[in-house]
N, C-alpha and C. Protein backbone atom coordinates (compact mmCIF):
# COMPACT_ATOMS: atom_id res chain seq x y z
N MET A 1 -145.09 -21.23 1.31
CA MET A 1 -143.99 -21.39 0.39
C MET A 1 -143.97 -22.78 -0.26
N LYS A 2 -144.23 -23.79 0.52
CA LYS A 2 -144.16 -25.16 0.02
C LYS A 2 -145.16 -25.38 -1.10
N ARG A 3 -146.36 -24.83 -0.93
CA ARG A 3 -147.40 -25.05 -1.92
C ARG A 3 -147.01 -24.42 -3.26
N SER A 4 -146.41 -23.23 -3.27
CA SER A 4 -146.02 -22.57 -4.52
C SER A 4 -144.89 -23.33 -5.20
N HIS A 5 -143.98 -23.92 -4.40
CA HIS A 5 -142.91 -24.75 -4.99
C HIS A 5 -143.48 -26.01 -5.62
N LEU A 6 -144.46 -26.61 -4.96
CA LEU A 6 -145.09 -27.81 -5.52
C LEU A 6 -145.83 -27.49 -6.82
N VAL A 7 -146.50 -26.34 -6.86
CA VAL A 7 -147.21 -25.93 -8.06
C VAL A 7 -146.22 -25.71 -9.21
N LYS A 8 -145.08 -25.05 -8.91
CA LYS A 8 -144.06 -24.80 -9.93
C LYS A 8 -143.46 -26.11 -10.43
N ILE A 9 -143.17 -27.00 -9.53
CA ILE A 9 -142.60 -28.30 -9.92
C ILE A 9 -143.60 -29.08 -10.76
N ALA A 10 -144.86 -29.05 -10.34
CA ALA A 10 -145.90 -29.75 -11.10
C ALA A 10 -146.04 -29.15 -12.50
N MET A 11 -145.99 -27.82 -12.59
CA MET A 11 -146.08 -27.16 -13.90
C MET A 11 -144.89 -27.55 -14.79
N ILE A 12 -143.70 -27.57 -14.22
CA ILE A 12 -142.49 -27.93 -14.99
C ILE A 12 -142.60 -29.36 -15.48
N VAL A 13 -143.03 -30.26 -14.62
CA VAL A 13 -143.18 -31.67 -14.99
C VAL A 13 -144.24 -31.81 -16.08
N LEU A 14 -145.38 -31.15 -15.94
CA LEU A 14 -146.44 -31.23 -16.94
C LEU A 14 -145.99 -30.64 -18.27
N LEU A 15 -145.32 -29.50 -18.25
CA LEU A 15 -144.81 -28.90 -19.48
C LEU A 15 -143.77 -29.80 -20.15
N SER A 16 -142.90 -30.40 -19.34
CA SER A 16 -141.89 -31.31 -19.88
C SER A 16 -142.53 -32.52 -20.53
N LEU A 17 -143.52 -33.11 -19.84
CA LEU A 17 -144.21 -34.27 -20.40
C LEU A 17 -144.99 -33.88 -21.66
N GLY A 18 -145.60 -32.71 -21.64
CA GLY A 18 -146.33 -32.23 -22.82
C GLY A 18 -145.40 -32.02 -24.00
N SER A 19 -144.25 -31.42 -23.75
CA SER A 19 -143.26 -31.20 -24.82
C SER A 19 -142.76 -32.52 -25.37
N LEU A 20 -142.47 -33.44 -24.46
CA LEU A 20 -142.00 -34.76 -24.88
C LEU A 20 -143.07 -35.47 -25.71
N GLY A 21 -144.34 -35.31 -25.31
CA GLY A 21 -145.43 -35.92 -26.07
C GLY A 21 -145.56 -35.32 -27.45
N VAL A 22 -145.42 -34.01 -27.58
CA VAL A 22 -145.51 -33.36 -28.88
C VAL A 22 -144.38 -33.80 -29.78
N VAL A 23 -143.16 -33.80 -29.25
CA VAL A 23 -141.99 -34.21 -30.04
C VAL A 23 -142.10 -35.68 -30.44
N GLY A 24 -142.42 -36.53 -29.49
CA GLY A 24 -142.55 -37.96 -29.79
C GLY A 24 -143.69 -38.24 -30.75
N GLY A 25 -144.83 -37.58 -30.53
CA GLY A 25 -145.98 -37.77 -31.40
C GLY A 25 -145.70 -37.33 -32.82
N SER A 26 -145.04 -36.18 -32.97
CA SER A 26 -144.73 -35.71 -34.33
C SER A 26 -143.73 -36.64 -35.01
N PHE A 27 -142.80 -37.21 -34.25
CA PHE A 27 -141.84 -38.15 -34.83
C PHE A 27 -142.58 -39.37 -35.38
N PHE A 28 -143.50 -39.93 -34.58
CA PHE A 28 -144.22 -41.13 -35.03
C PHE A 28 -145.17 -40.83 -36.18
N LEU A 29 -145.81 -39.66 -36.15
CA LEU A 29 -146.69 -39.28 -37.26
C LEU A 29 -145.89 -39.12 -38.55
N ARG A 30 -144.75 -38.43 -38.46
CA ARG A 30 -143.93 -38.24 -39.66
C ARG A 30 -143.42 -39.57 -40.18
N LYS A 31 -143.02 -40.44 -39.30
CA LYS A 31 -142.54 -41.77 -39.69
C LYS A 31 -143.65 -42.55 -40.38
N ALA A 32 -144.85 -42.48 -39.83
CA ALA A 32 -145.99 -43.21 -40.42
C ALA A 32 -146.32 -42.67 -41.80
N PHE A 33 -146.37 -41.36 -41.96
CA PHE A 33 -146.74 -40.79 -43.25
C PHE A 33 -145.62 -40.92 -44.27
N SER A 34 -144.37 -40.78 -43.86
CA SER A 34 -143.29 -40.84 -44.84
C SER A 34 -143.09 -42.25 -45.36
N SER A 35 -143.26 -43.26 -44.52
CA SER A 35 -143.05 -44.62 -45.01
C SER A 35 -144.20 -45.07 -45.91
N SER A 36 -145.41 -44.57 -45.65
CA SER A 36 -146.52 -45.00 -46.49
C SER A 36 -146.61 -44.21 -47.79
N SER A 37 -146.00 -43.03 -47.85
CA SER A 37 -146.10 -42.24 -49.06
C SER A 37 -144.89 -42.41 -49.98
N GLN A 38 -143.93 -43.20 -49.60
CA GLN A 38 -142.77 -43.45 -50.44
C GLN A 38 -143.12 -44.49 -51.49
N PRO A 39 -143.13 -44.10 -52.77
CA PRO A 39 -143.44 -45.11 -53.79
C PRO A 39 -142.32 -46.13 -53.91
N GLU A 40 -142.68 -47.33 -54.23
CA GLU A 40 -141.68 -48.39 -54.39
C GLU A 40 -141.77 -48.95 -55.80
N MET A 41 -140.63 -49.45 -56.27
CA MET A 41 -140.61 -50.07 -57.59
C MET A 41 -141.30 -51.42 -57.50
N ILE A 42 -142.17 -51.71 -58.45
CA ILE A 42 -142.87 -52.99 -58.51
C ILE A 42 -142.14 -53.87 -59.52
N THR A 43 -141.78 -55.08 -59.11
CA THR A 43 -141.09 -56.01 -60.01
C THR A 43 -141.85 -57.33 -60.14
N ASP A 44 -143.01 -57.43 -59.52
CA ASP A 44 -143.81 -58.65 -59.55
C ASP A 44 -144.50 -58.76 -60.91
N ILE A 45 -144.11 -59.74 -61.71
CA ILE A 45 -144.61 -59.92 -63.07
C ILE A 45 -146.12 -60.15 -63.09
N THR A 46 -146.69 -60.66 -62.00
CA THR A 46 -148.14 -60.88 -61.97
C THR A 46 -148.92 -59.56 -61.93
N LYS A 47 -148.25 -58.46 -61.69
CA LYS A 47 -148.90 -57.14 -61.64
C LYS A 47 -148.91 -56.47 -63.02
N TYR A 48 -148.36 -57.13 -64.03
CA TYR A 48 -148.23 -56.52 -65.36
C TYR A 48 -149.56 -55.99 -65.90
N ALA A 49 -150.58 -56.82 -65.91
CA ALA A 49 -151.87 -56.42 -66.48
C ALA A 49 -152.46 -55.23 -65.73
N GLU A 50 -152.36 -55.23 -64.41
CA GLU A 50 -152.90 -54.13 -63.61
C GLU A 50 -152.16 -52.83 -63.92
N ILE A 51 -150.85 -52.89 -64.02
CA ILE A 51 -150.06 -51.69 -64.34
C ILE A 51 -150.43 -51.21 -65.73
N ARG A 52 -150.45 -52.11 -66.68
CA ARG A 52 -150.72 -51.75 -68.08
C ARG A 52 -152.10 -51.13 -68.26
N LYS A 53 -153.09 -51.71 -67.57
CA LYS A 53 -154.47 -51.26 -67.78
C LYS A 53 -154.90 -50.12 -66.87
N HIS A 54 -154.31 -50.04 -65.66
CA HIS A 54 -154.85 -49.10 -64.70
C HIS A 54 -153.86 -48.09 -64.12
N LEU A 55 -152.60 -48.44 -64.01
CA LEU A 55 -151.68 -47.57 -63.29
C LEU A 55 -150.92 -46.59 -64.17
N TRP A 56 -150.54 -47.00 -65.37
CA TRP A 56 -149.83 -46.06 -66.24
C TRP A 56 -150.87 -45.14 -66.87
N ILE A 57 -150.75 -43.86 -66.65
CA ILE A 57 -151.81 -42.92 -67.01
C ILE A 57 -151.95 -42.69 -68.50
N ASN A 58 -150.83 -42.50 -69.22
CA ASN A 58 -150.90 -42.17 -70.64
C ASN A 58 -150.83 -43.45 -71.49
N ASN A 59 -151.97 -43.93 -71.93
CA ASN A 59 -152.01 -45.18 -72.72
C ASN A 59 -151.29 -45.06 -74.05
N ASN A 60 -151.17 -43.87 -74.59
CA ASN A 60 -150.47 -43.66 -75.85
C ASN A 60 -149.00 -44.05 -75.73
N GLN A 61 -148.42 -43.84 -74.55
CA GLN A 61 -147.00 -44.14 -74.33
C GLN A 61 -146.73 -45.64 -74.21
N ILE A 62 -147.76 -46.42 -73.95
CA ILE A 62 -147.55 -47.86 -73.80
C ILE A 62 -148.38 -48.68 -74.79
N LYS A 63 -148.88 -48.03 -75.83
CA LYS A 63 -149.70 -48.77 -76.80
C LYS A 63 -148.88 -49.84 -77.53
N HIS A 64 -147.54 -49.70 -77.56
CA HIS A 64 -146.70 -50.70 -78.21
C HIS A 64 -146.39 -51.88 -77.29
N PHE A 65 -146.68 -51.78 -76.00
CA PHE A 65 -146.49 -52.88 -75.06
C PHE A 65 -147.50 -53.99 -75.41
N PRO A 66 -147.14 -55.25 -75.16
CA PRO A 66 -148.14 -56.30 -75.38
C PRO A 66 -149.33 -56.12 -74.43
N HIS A 67 -150.54 -56.38 -74.92
CA HIS A 67 -151.72 -56.27 -74.06
C HIS A 67 -151.64 -57.28 -72.93
N GLU A 68 -151.15 -58.45 -73.25
CA GLU A 68 -150.91 -59.50 -72.26
C GLU A 68 -149.54 -60.07 -72.54
N LEU A 69 -148.94 -60.69 -71.55
CA LEU A 69 -147.65 -61.31 -71.78
C LEU A 69 -147.85 -62.50 -72.71
N PRO A 70 -147.07 -62.56 -73.78
CA PRO A 70 -147.26 -63.65 -74.77
C PRO A 70 -147.02 -65.02 -74.14
N SER A 71 -147.78 -66.01 -74.63
CA SER A 71 -147.56 -67.37 -74.14
C SER A 71 -146.17 -67.82 -74.62
N GLY A 72 -145.53 -68.60 -73.84
CA GLY A 72 -144.19 -69.06 -74.18
C GLY A 72 -143.10 -68.06 -73.82
N THR A 73 -143.47 -66.99 -73.13
CA THR A 73 -142.49 -65.99 -72.71
C THR A 73 -141.60 -66.60 -71.63
N LYS A 74 -140.29 -66.42 -71.80
CA LYS A 74 -139.34 -66.93 -70.82
C LYS A 74 -138.69 -65.76 -70.09
N ASN A 75 -138.36 -65.97 -68.84
CA ASN A 75 -137.60 -65.01 -68.03
C ASN A 75 -138.15 -63.59 -68.09
N ALA A 76 -139.46 -63.45 -68.01
CA ALA A 76 -140.07 -62.12 -68.05
C ALA A 76 -139.73 -61.35 -66.78
N ARG A 77 -139.48 -60.05 -66.94
CA ARG A 77 -139.20 -59.16 -65.81
C ARG A 77 -139.92 -57.84 -66.06
N ILE A 78 -140.37 -57.22 -64.97
CA ILE A 78 -140.93 -55.87 -65.09
C ILE A 78 -140.27 -54.97 -64.06
N ALA A 79 -140.34 -53.68 -64.34
CA ALA A 79 -139.94 -52.64 -63.39
C ALA A 79 -140.92 -51.50 -63.60
N TYR A 80 -141.68 -51.21 -62.56
CA TYR A 80 -142.64 -50.11 -62.62
C TYR A 80 -142.41 -49.23 -61.40
N PHE A 81 -142.24 -47.94 -61.65
CA PHE A 81 -142.09 -46.98 -60.57
C PHE A 81 -143.10 -45.87 -60.82
N PRO A 82 -144.06 -45.69 -59.90
CA PRO A 82 -145.14 -44.72 -60.14
C PRO A 82 -144.69 -43.28 -60.09
N GLY A 83 -143.51 -43.02 -59.57
CA GLY A 83 -143.00 -41.66 -59.53
C GLY A 83 -143.26 -40.98 -58.21
N THR A 84 -142.71 -39.80 -58.12
CA THR A 84 -142.86 -38.96 -56.94
C THR A 84 -143.62 -37.72 -57.36
N SER A 85 -143.73 -36.77 -56.46
CA SER A 85 -144.43 -35.53 -56.82
C SER A 85 -143.69 -34.78 -57.93
N GLN A 86 -142.41 -35.06 -58.11
CA GLN A 86 -141.63 -34.42 -59.18
C GLN A 86 -141.83 -35.13 -60.52
N GLY A 87 -142.46 -36.29 -60.52
CA GLY A 87 -142.61 -37.06 -61.76
C GLY A 87 -141.72 -38.28 -61.71
N ASN A 88 -140.84 -38.41 -62.69
CA ASN A 88 -139.86 -39.50 -62.74
C ASN A 88 -140.49 -40.88 -62.60
N SER A 89 -141.45 -41.20 -63.43
CA SER A 89 -142.04 -42.52 -63.40
C SER A 89 -141.55 -43.31 -64.62
N TYR A 90 -141.54 -44.63 -64.47
CA TYR A 90 -141.14 -45.47 -65.59
C TYR A 90 -141.84 -46.82 -65.51
N PHE A 91 -141.91 -47.46 -66.66
CA PHE A 91 -142.51 -48.79 -66.80
C PHE A 91 -141.68 -49.51 -67.85
N GLN A 92 -141.23 -50.70 -67.49
CA GLN A 92 -140.39 -51.48 -68.39
C GLN A 92 -140.75 -52.95 -68.25
N VAL A 93 -140.84 -53.65 -69.37
CA VAL A 93 -141.06 -55.10 -69.34
C VAL A 93 -140.04 -55.74 -70.28
N ARG A 94 -139.38 -56.75 -69.77
CA ARG A 94 -138.33 -57.45 -70.51
C ARG A 94 -138.79 -58.87 -70.80
N LEU A 95 -138.79 -59.22 -72.09
CA LEU A 95 -139.28 -60.54 -72.51
C LEU A 95 -138.26 -61.23 -73.40
N GLN A 96 -138.16 -62.52 -73.25
CA GLN A 96 -137.35 -63.33 -74.16
C GLN A 96 -138.33 -64.07 -75.07
N GLN A 97 -138.07 -64.00 -76.38
CA GLN A 97 -138.95 -64.66 -77.32
C GLN A 97 -138.11 -65.42 -78.34
N SER A 98 -138.75 -66.06 -79.27
CA SER A 98 -138.01 -66.82 -80.28
C SER A 98 -137.18 -65.85 -81.13
N PRO A 99 -136.03 -66.30 -81.63
CA PRO A 99 -135.21 -65.43 -82.48
C PRO A 99 -135.98 -64.91 -83.70
N GLU A 100 -136.87 -65.72 -84.24
CA GLU A 100 -137.66 -65.30 -85.40
C GLU A 100 -138.60 -64.14 -85.03
N LYS A 101 -139.25 -64.26 -83.88
CA LYS A 101 -140.16 -63.23 -83.41
C LYS A 101 -139.39 -61.93 -83.13
N ILE A 102 -138.22 -62.06 -82.53
CA ILE A 102 -137.40 -60.88 -82.21
C ILE A 102 -136.97 -60.18 -83.50
N GLU A 103 -136.57 -60.92 -84.52
CA GLU A 103 -136.17 -60.30 -85.79
C GLU A 103 -137.34 -59.57 -86.45
N LYS A 104 -138.51 -60.15 -86.34
CA LYS A 104 -139.71 -59.52 -86.90
C LYS A 104 -140.00 -58.21 -86.16
N LEU A 105 -139.92 -58.24 -84.82
CA LEU A 105 -140.16 -57.04 -84.01
C LEU A 105 -139.10 -55.98 -84.28
N LEU A 106 -137.85 -56.40 -84.43
CA LEU A 106 -136.76 -55.47 -84.71
C LEU A 106 -137.02 -54.73 -86.02
N SER A 107 -137.40 -55.46 -87.04
CA SER A 107 -137.70 -54.86 -88.34
C SER A 107 -138.89 -53.89 -88.23
N GLN A 108 -139.92 -54.32 -87.53
CA GLN A 108 -141.13 -53.49 -87.35
C GLN A 108 -140.78 -52.17 -86.65
N TYR A 109 -140.05 -52.25 -85.53
CA TYR A 109 -139.77 -51.04 -84.76
C TYR A 109 -138.69 -50.17 -85.39
N ARG A 110 -137.76 -50.75 -86.12
CA ARG A 110 -136.77 -49.93 -86.83
C ARG A 110 -137.46 -49.01 -87.83
N ASN A 111 -138.50 -49.51 -88.48
CA ASN A 111 -139.20 -48.74 -89.50
C ASN A 111 -139.97 -47.54 -88.94
N ILE A 112 -140.34 -47.57 -87.68
CA ILE A 112 -141.13 -46.46 -87.12
C ILE A 112 -140.37 -45.66 -86.06
N ALA A 113 -139.15 -46.06 -85.74
CA ALA A 113 -138.37 -45.36 -84.70
C ALA A 113 -137.97 -43.97 -85.17
N LYS A 114 -138.07 -43.00 -84.27
CA LYS A 114 -137.65 -41.63 -84.57
C LYS A 114 -136.17 -41.42 -84.25
N TYR A 115 -135.64 -42.21 -83.32
CA TYR A 115 -134.23 -42.14 -82.92
C TYR A 115 -133.75 -43.56 -82.68
N GLN A 116 -132.46 -43.80 -82.95
CA GLN A 116 -131.88 -45.13 -82.73
C GLN A 116 -130.52 -44.97 -82.05
N TYR A 117 -130.28 -45.84 -81.07
CA TYR A 117 -129.00 -45.83 -80.35
C TYR A 117 -128.53 -47.27 -80.18
N ARG A 118 -127.25 -47.41 -79.92
CA ARG A 118 -126.67 -48.74 -79.68
C ARG A 118 -126.09 -48.71 -78.27
N GLY A 119 -126.68 -49.51 -77.37
CA GLY A 119 -126.22 -49.57 -75.98
C GLY A 119 -126.34 -48.24 -75.26
N GLY A 120 -125.86 -48.19 -74.02
CA GLY A 120 -125.85 -46.95 -73.25
C GLY A 120 -127.10 -46.75 -72.42
N SER A 121 -127.19 -45.54 -71.85
CA SER A 121 -128.33 -45.20 -70.99
C SER A 121 -128.92 -43.87 -71.43
N THR A 122 -129.93 -43.44 -70.75
CA THR A 122 -130.60 -42.19 -71.08
C THR A 122 -129.63 -41.01 -71.08
N ASN A 123 -128.69 -41.01 -70.15
CA ASN A 123 -127.72 -39.91 -70.10
C ASN A 123 -126.83 -39.91 -71.34
N ASP A 124 -126.39 -41.08 -71.76
CA ASP A 124 -125.56 -41.19 -72.98
C ASP A 124 -126.34 -40.69 -74.19
N HIS A 125 -127.57 -41.11 -74.30
CA HIS A 125 -128.39 -40.78 -75.47
C HIS A 125 -128.75 -39.30 -75.51
N ALA A 126 -129.13 -38.73 -74.39
CA ALA A 126 -129.54 -37.33 -74.33
C ALA A 126 -128.37 -36.39 -74.61
N ASN A 127 -127.15 -36.82 -74.30
CA ASN A 127 -125.98 -35.96 -74.47
C ASN A 127 -125.34 -36.07 -75.85
N GLN A 128 -125.90 -36.84 -76.74
CA GLN A 128 -125.40 -36.89 -78.11
C GLN A 128 -125.97 -35.71 -78.89
N PRO A 129 -125.31 -35.30 -79.97
CA PRO A 129 -125.89 -34.22 -80.78
C PRO A 129 -127.30 -34.61 -81.24
N ASN A 130 -128.25 -33.74 -81.03
CA ASN A 130 -129.66 -33.99 -81.33
C ASN A 130 -130.21 -35.22 -80.60
N GLY A 131 -129.59 -35.57 -79.49
CA GLY A 131 -130.03 -36.73 -78.72
C GLY A 131 -131.26 -36.45 -77.89
N VAL A 132 -131.91 -37.53 -77.48
CA VAL A 132 -133.10 -37.43 -76.63
C VAL A 132 -132.94 -38.39 -75.45
N PRO A 133 -133.56 -38.07 -74.32
CA PRO A 133 -133.55 -38.99 -73.19
C PRO A 133 -134.30 -40.28 -73.54
N THR A 134 -133.82 -41.39 -73.03
CA THR A 134 -134.47 -42.68 -73.27
C THR A 134 -134.82 -43.30 -71.93
N THR A 135 -134.06 -44.29 -71.50
CA THR A 135 -134.33 -44.98 -70.24
C THR A 135 -133.05 -45.62 -69.72
N PHE A 136 -133.09 -46.04 -68.48
CA PHE A 136 -132.03 -46.87 -67.89
C PHE A 136 -132.47 -48.32 -68.02
N PHE A 137 -131.54 -49.24 -67.81
CA PHE A 137 -131.81 -50.67 -67.90
C PHE A 137 -132.31 -51.17 -66.54
N TYR A 138 -133.56 -50.82 -66.21
CA TYR A 138 -134.14 -51.15 -64.91
C TYR A 138 -134.35 -52.65 -64.72
N THR A 139 -134.53 -53.40 -65.80
CA THR A 139 -134.82 -54.83 -65.69
C THR A 139 -133.56 -55.68 -65.88
N SER A 140 -132.41 -55.08 -65.74
CA SER A 140 -131.14 -55.79 -65.89
C SER A 140 -130.97 -56.84 -64.78
N ASP A 141 -130.17 -57.85 -65.07
CA ASP A 141 -129.83 -58.85 -64.07
C ASP A 141 -128.78 -58.33 -63.10
N PHE A 142 -128.18 -57.21 -63.44
CA PHE A 142 -127.07 -56.66 -62.67
C PHE A 142 -127.39 -55.23 -62.26
N PRO A 143 -126.65 -54.68 -61.32
CA PRO A 143 -126.92 -53.30 -60.90
C PRO A 143 -126.60 -52.27 -62.00
N GLU A 144 -125.95 -52.69 -63.05
CA GLU A 144 -125.61 -51.79 -64.16
C GLU A 144 -126.88 -51.18 -64.75
N GLU A 145 -126.87 -49.86 -64.95
CA GLU A 145 -128.06 -49.20 -65.48
C GLU A 145 -127.96 -48.88 -66.95
N SER A 146 -126.86 -49.23 -67.60
CA SER A 146 -126.69 -48.98 -69.03
C SER A 146 -126.94 -50.27 -69.81
N PHE A 147 -127.46 -50.11 -71.01
CA PHE A 147 -127.65 -51.27 -71.88
C PHE A 147 -126.31 -51.64 -72.49
N PRO A 148 -126.01 -52.94 -72.56
CA PRO A 148 -124.80 -53.37 -73.28
C PRO A 148 -124.92 -53.00 -74.76
N ALA A 149 -123.80 -52.99 -75.46
CA ALA A 149 -123.76 -52.61 -76.88
C ALA A 149 -124.59 -53.55 -77.76
N SER A 150 -124.93 -54.73 -77.25
CA SER A 150 -125.74 -55.67 -78.04
C SER A 150 -127.19 -55.21 -78.17
N TYR A 151 -127.61 -54.23 -77.39
CA TYR A 151 -128.99 -53.73 -77.45
C TYR A 151 -129.11 -52.57 -78.42
N GLU A 152 -130.14 -52.63 -79.24
CA GLU A 152 -130.49 -51.52 -80.11
C GLU A 152 -131.68 -50.82 -79.45
N ILE A 153 -131.49 -49.55 -79.10
CA ILE A 153 -132.54 -48.78 -78.43
C ILE A 153 -133.26 -47.97 -79.50
N LEU A 154 -134.54 -48.23 -79.66
CA LEU A 154 -135.36 -47.60 -80.69
C LEU A 154 -136.41 -46.73 -80.01
N VAL A 155 -136.28 -45.43 -80.20
CA VAL A 155 -137.18 -44.47 -79.57
C VAL A 155 -138.36 -44.22 -80.51
N LEU A 156 -139.55 -44.58 -80.07
CA LEU A 156 -140.73 -44.40 -80.89
C LEU A 156 -141.24 -42.96 -80.81
N ASP A 157 -141.04 -42.33 -79.66
CA ASP A 157 -141.36 -40.91 -79.53
C ASP A 157 -140.70 -40.36 -78.28
N ALA A 158 -140.41 -39.07 -78.33
CA ALA A 158 -139.85 -38.35 -77.18
C ALA A 158 -140.39 -36.92 -77.24
N GLN A 159 -140.92 -36.46 -76.13
CA GLN A 159 -141.50 -35.12 -76.09
C GLN A 159 -140.82 -34.29 -75.01
N ASP A 160 -140.25 -33.17 -75.44
CA ASP A 160 -139.61 -32.24 -74.53
C ASP A 160 -140.68 -31.31 -73.96
N LYS A 161 -140.85 -31.34 -72.64
CA LYS A 161 -141.84 -30.47 -72.00
C LYS A 161 -141.15 -29.50 -71.06
N GLY A 162 -139.85 -29.28 -71.31
CA GLY A 162 -139.08 -28.33 -70.52
C GLY A 162 -139.39 -26.90 -70.92
N THR A 163 -138.70 -25.98 -70.31
CA THR A 163 -138.88 -24.57 -70.61
C THR A 163 -137.67 -24.09 -71.40
N PRO A 164 -137.77 -22.96 -72.10
CA PRO A 164 -136.61 -22.45 -72.83
C PRO A 164 -135.41 -22.30 -71.90
N GLY A 165 -134.27 -22.78 -72.35
CA GLY A 165 -133.07 -22.76 -71.54
C GLY A 165 -132.95 -23.93 -70.59
N PHE A 166 -134.00 -24.73 -70.48
CA PHE A 166 -134.02 -25.90 -69.60
C PHE A 166 -134.54 -27.10 -70.38
N LYS A 167 -133.91 -27.34 -71.53
CA LYS A 167 -134.36 -28.39 -72.44
C LYS A 167 -134.38 -29.74 -71.72
N TRP A 168 -135.42 -30.50 -71.95
CA TRP A 168 -135.63 -31.83 -71.39
C TRP A 168 -135.72 -31.84 -69.86
N ASN A 169 -135.99 -30.69 -69.24
CA ASN A 169 -136.18 -30.68 -67.80
C ASN A 169 -137.39 -31.53 -67.43
N HIS A 170 -138.42 -31.49 -68.26
CA HIS A 170 -139.59 -32.35 -68.12
C HIS A 170 -139.88 -32.92 -69.50
N GLY A 171 -140.48 -34.09 -69.50
CA GLY A 171 -140.84 -34.69 -70.78
C GLY A 171 -141.13 -36.17 -70.62
N ASN A 172 -141.16 -36.85 -71.76
CA ASN A 172 -141.38 -38.29 -71.74
C ASN A 172 -140.80 -38.90 -73.01
N SER A 173 -140.55 -40.18 -72.94
CA SER A 173 -140.11 -40.92 -74.11
C SER A 173 -140.54 -42.38 -73.94
N TYR A 174 -140.64 -43.06 -75.07
CA TYR A 174 -140.99 -44.48 -75.00
C TYR A 174 -140.47 -45.17 -76.24
N GLY A 175 -140.32 -46.48 -76.12
CA GLY A 175 -139.81 -47.27 -77.23
C GLY A 175 -139.50 -48.69 -76.82
N VAL A 176 -138.54 -49.28 -77.54
CA VAL A 176 -138.11 -50.65 -77.26
C VAL A 176 -136.59 -50.71 -77.30
N ALA A 177 -136.06 -51.68 -76.61
CA ALA A 177 -134.63 -52.01 -76.68
C ALA A 177 -134.58 -53.50 -77.03
N ILE A 178 -133.85 -53.83 -78.09
CA ILE A 178 -133.84 -55.21 -78.59
C ILE A 178 -132.42 -55.72 -78.67
N ASP A 179 -132.22 -56.92 -78.12
CA ASP A 179 -130.95 -57.63 -78.23
C ASP A 179 -131.21 -58.90 -79.04
N SER A 180 -130.86 -58.87 -80.30
CA SER A 180 -131.12 -60.02 -81.19
C SER A 180 -130.35 -61.25 -80.75
N SER A 181 -129.11 -61.07 -80.27
CA SER A 181 -128.29 -62.22 -79.88
C SER A 181 -128.86 -62.96 -78.68
N ALA A 182 -129.57 -62.25 -77.79
CA ALA A 182 -130.19 -62.89 -76.62
C ALA A 182 -131.68 -63.15 -76.85
N ALA A 183 -132.19 -62.76 -78.02
CA ALA A 183 -133.62 -62.89 -78.36
C ALA A 183 -134.49 -62.23 -77.29
N GLU A 184 -134.13 -60.98 -76.94
CA GLU A 184 -134.86 -60.24 -75.91
C GLU A 184 -135.37 -58.91 -76.44
N ILE A 185 -136.51 -58.52 -75.91
CA ILE A 185 -137.07 -57.20 -76.20
C ILE A 185 -137.47 -56.58 -74.87
N ILE A 186 -137.21 -55.30 -74.75
CA ILE A 186 -137.60 -54.53 -73.58
C ILE A 186 -138.49 -53.40 -74.06
N TYR A 187 -139.73 -53.39 -73.60
CA TYR A 187 -140.66 -52.32 -73.88
C TYR A 187 -140.50 -51.31 -72.74
N TRP A 188 -140.41 -50.03 -73.06
CA TRP A 188 -140.23 -49.05 -72.00
C TRP A 188 -140.99 -47.76 -72.28
N ALA A 189 -141.37 -47.11 -71.17
CA ALA A 189 -141.97 -45.78 -71.20
C ALA A 189 -141.42 -45.05 -69.98
N GLU A 190 -141.09 -43.79 -70.16
CA GLU A 190 -140.47 -43.02 -69.10
C GLU A 190 -141.05 -41.61 -69.11
N LYS A 191 -141.31 -41.08 -67.91
CA LYS A 191 -141.84 -39.73 -67.78
C LYS A 191 -141.08 -39.04 -66.65
N TRP A 192 -140.67 -37.81 -66.89
CA TRP A 192 -139.93 -37.08 -65.84
C TRP A 192 -140.38 -35.64 -65.77
């Protein structure tokens, strides 16, 4: 009798340890894979050239971005998010330049913009009659995601890749947002 009880106890202990190992192992594996596969927003301005040349897939959407950050650029900021399996990627660079340069850029982009908005965010713009999605203010100094009214948002192109009845469910847009009073320009591209 004693031997069969010892065998049963040993089996229970081994099964318990095995179950604990499977549960613990799967927890650590999931933790390892989930933390490494979570994309993070890049804000390091030194990564600009790498993002522009290698990470953003559709070069047509960022052809209006500067090839390199202009000399004399002040307070440059970037926000790059590579996206998830659902899409939702964006790239934005915010530059301060001379008022003369900003006025020249404003005139240039106004002439080729397909849509124009004053302040707001992508949700505001998309919900206007004949509106299109744009972008949020990812490079803002504040947690606010809408552009102040001083910004003119100029959409160079927007493509609806949704399905009938699900307009703008997928798509992309790109353009610039310019604040003449602050002598700032924000180049942006967004894909969802």
